[in-house]
Structures are given as C-alpha cells and as structure tokens.
Amino acid sequence: MAIYYVCRHCRLPLGHIADGQATESQLGFDQLTPEERKDIITNDAAGNQVVKITCESCQQVLESHPERVLYPSLYH
C-alpha cells in the first residue's frame, strides 16, 4: 500500500511514498490521536493511504484570509 499526500483544500497531489519505504512511526502517524488520524488519513479504493495536508499556496491564502477556512473552497 502506497501513501499519497494531497492538499485538503485544492486537492493538488503533493507526493507519494511507495509501499514499504517508510513505516507509520517514521512518518509520525503513531503520534496522531484517533480523531486526528480520522481527519487526516483515509484509504482510497485501491487500499492506498491518502494523507490530507495543506499545500503552500493554500497556506498563504489561509494566512492572508483566515476566514476562508469556513468556506467550502478556499478559492470560490
């Protein structure tokens, strides 16, 4: 099972880690609470893990306009 990183706001693919290249402990997943884990990590139809993070562009938007986190999309 591979691990894919995508932006939680714009859904831009940010990178991936092939199966077996890193453990959950090495990635820090073991430090997440069950609630954080449920919010951040999901599985796709192929059984890969999808980790939702914030890309640099979306982070800049949020820093300039923090109220946008309440909108369904940062850009609309």
C-alpha atoms as a PDB file:
ATOM      1  CA  MET A   1       0.000   0.000   0.000  1.00  0.00           C
ATOM      2  CA  ALA A   2       1.413   3.361  -1.054  1.00  0.00           C
ATOM      3  CA  ILE A   3       0.899   6.632   0.775  1.00  0.00           C
ATOM      4  CA  TYR A   4      -0.291   9.642  -1.233  1.00  0.00           C
ATOM      5  CA  TYR A   5      -0.179  13.227   0.006  1.00  0.00           C
ATOM      6  CA  VAL A   6      -2.820  15.646  -1.308  1.00  0.00           C
ATOM      7  CA  CYS A   7      -3.863  19.157  -0.339  1.00  0.00           C
ATOM      8  CA  ARG A   8      -7.024  19.054   1.718  1.00  0.00           C
ATOM      9  CA  HIS A   9      -8.220  22.323   0.180  1.00  0.00           C
ATOM     10  CA  CYS A  10      -7.337  22.318  -3.541  1.00  0.00           C
ATOM     11  CA  ARG A  11      -6.744  18.544  -3.836  1.00  0.00           C
ATOM     12  CA  LEU A  12      -3.397  19.076  -5.563  1.00  0.00           C
ATOM     13  CA  PRO A  13      -1.284  15.887  -5.467  1.00  0.00           C
ATOM     14  CA  LEU A  14       1.835  16.726  -3.454  1.00  0.00           C
ATOM     15  CA  GLY A  15       3.776  13.485  -3.484  1.00  0.00           C
ATOM     16  CA  HIS A  16       3.752   9.820  -2.607  1.00  0.00           C
ATOM     17  CA  ILE A  17       5.736   7.157  -0.836  1.00  0.00           C
ATOM     18  CA  ALA A  18       5.905   3.716  -2.368  1.00  0.00           C
ATOM     19  CA  ASP A  19       4.845   0.673  -0.423  1.00  0.00           C
ATOM     20  CA  GLY A  20       7.371  -0.320   2.210  1.00  0.00           C
ATOM     21  CA  GLN A  21       9.605   2.758   2.005  1.00  0.00           C
ATOM     22  CA  ALA A  22       8.616   4.121   5.406  1.00  0.00           C
ATOM     23  CA  THR A  23       6.794   2.965   8.499  1.00  0.00           C
ATOM     24  CA  GLU A  24       3.940   4.805  10.186  1.00  0.00           C
ATOM     25  CA  SER A  25       6.294   5.517  13.068  1.00  0.00           C
ATOM     26  CA  GLN A  26       8.890   7.075  10.742  1.00  0.00           C
ATOM     27  CA  LEU A  27       6.175   9.300   9.251  1.00  0.00           C
ATOM     28  CA  GLY A  28       4.874  10.307  12.679  1.00  0.00           C
ATOM     29  CA  PHE A  29       1.437   8.771  12.183  1.00  0.00           C
ATOM     30  CA  ASP A  30       1.762   6.991  15.529  1.00  0.00           C
ATOM     31  CA  GLN A  31       1.782  10.416  17.228  1.00  0.00           C
ATOM     32  CA  LEU A  32      -1.718  11.292  15.981  1.00  0.00           C
ATOM     33  CA  THR A  33      -4.775  10.938  18.181  1.00  0.00           C
ATOM     34  CA  PRO A  34      -7.575   8.733  16.787  1.00  0.00           C
ATOM     35  CA  GLU A  35      -9.540  11.889  15.909  1.00  0.00           C
ATOM     36  CA  GLU A  36      -6.586  13.477  14.089  1.00  0.00           C
ATOM     37  CA  ARG A  37      -5.894  10.238  12.263  1.00  0.00           C
ATOM     38  CA  LYS A  38      -9.518  10.004  11.109  1.00  0.00           C
ATOM     39  CA  ASP A  39      -9.406  13.616   9.864  1.00  0.00           C
ATOM     40  CA  ILE A  40      -6.020  13.391   8.126  1.00  0.00           C
ATOM     41  CA  ILE A  41      -5.651   9.833   6.800  1.00  0.00           C
ATOM     42  CA  THR A  42      -8.126   7.975   4.599  1.00  0.00           C
ATOM     43  CA  ASN A  43      -7.932   4.990   2.253  1.00  0.00           C
ATOM     44  CA  ASP A  44      -8.713   5.061  -1.454  1.00  0.00           C
ATOM     45  CA  ALA A  45     -10.468   2.346  -3.443  1.00  0.00           C
ATOM     46  CA  ALA A  46      -7.159   0.610  -4.180  1.00  0.00           C
ATOM     47  CA  GLY A  47      -6.281   0.391  -0.485  1.00  0.00           C
ATOM     48  CA  ASN A  48      -3.648   3.130  -0.536  1.00  0.00           C
ATOM     49  CA  GLN A  49      -3.474   5.644   2.265  1.00  0.00           C
ATOM     50  CA  VAL A  50      -4.295   9.264   1.390  1.00  0.00           C
ATOM     51  CA  VAL A  51      -2.890  11.895   3.739  1.00  0.00           C
ATOM     52  CA  LYS A  52      -4.598  15.292   3.602  1.00  0.00           C
ATOM     53  CA  ILE A  53      -2.255  18.206   4.264  1.00  0.00           C
ATOM     54  CA  THR A  54      -2.200  21.886   3.241  1.00  0.00           C
ATOM     55  CA  CYS A  55      -0.075  22.971   0.264  1.00  0.00           C
ATOM     56  CA  GLU A  56       1.968  26.188   0.320  1.00  0.00           C
ATOM     57  CA  SER A  57      -0.468  28.102  -1.914  1.00  0.00           C
ATOM     58  CA  CYS A  58      -3.449  27.272   0.275  1.00  0.00           C
ATOM     59  CA  GLN A  59      -1.420  28.041   3.403  1.00  0.00           C
ATOM     60  CA  GLN A  60      -0.686  31.515   2.035  1.00  0.00           C
ATOM     61  CA  VAL A  61      -4.394  32.088   1.335  1.00  0.00           C
ATOM     62  CA  LEU A  62      -5.279  30.966   4.871  1.00  0.00           C
ATOM     63  CA  GLU A  63      -2.645  33.223   6.408  1.00  0.00           C
ATOM     64  CA  SER A  64      -3.927  36.227   4.444  1.00  0.00           C
ATOM     65  CA  HIS A  65      -7.631  35.401   4.850  1.00  0.00           C
ATOM     66  CA  PRO A  66      -8.161  33.034   7.811  1.00  0.00           C
ATOM     67  CA  GLU A  67     -11.951  33.291   7.472  1.00  0.00           C
ATOM     68  CA  ARG A  68     -11.734  31.292   4.233  1.00  0.00           C
ATOM     69  CA  VAL A  69     -11.272  28.091   6.227  1.00  0.00           C
ATOM     70  CA  LEU A  70     -15.018  28.334   6.877  1.00  0.00           C
ATOM     71  CA  TYR A  71     -15.870  28.293   3.148  1.00  0.00           C
ATOM     72  CA  PRO A  72     -16.414  25.054   1.217  1.00  0.00           C
ATOM     73  CA  SER A  73     -13.466  26.041  -1.013  1.00  0.00           C
ATOM     74  CA  LEU A  74     -10.664  28.487  -0.411  1.00  0.00           C
ATOM     75  CA  TYR A  75     -10.913  29.864  -3.922  1.00  0.00           C
ATOM     76  CA  HIS A  76     -14.660  30.123  -4.557  1.00  0.00           C
END
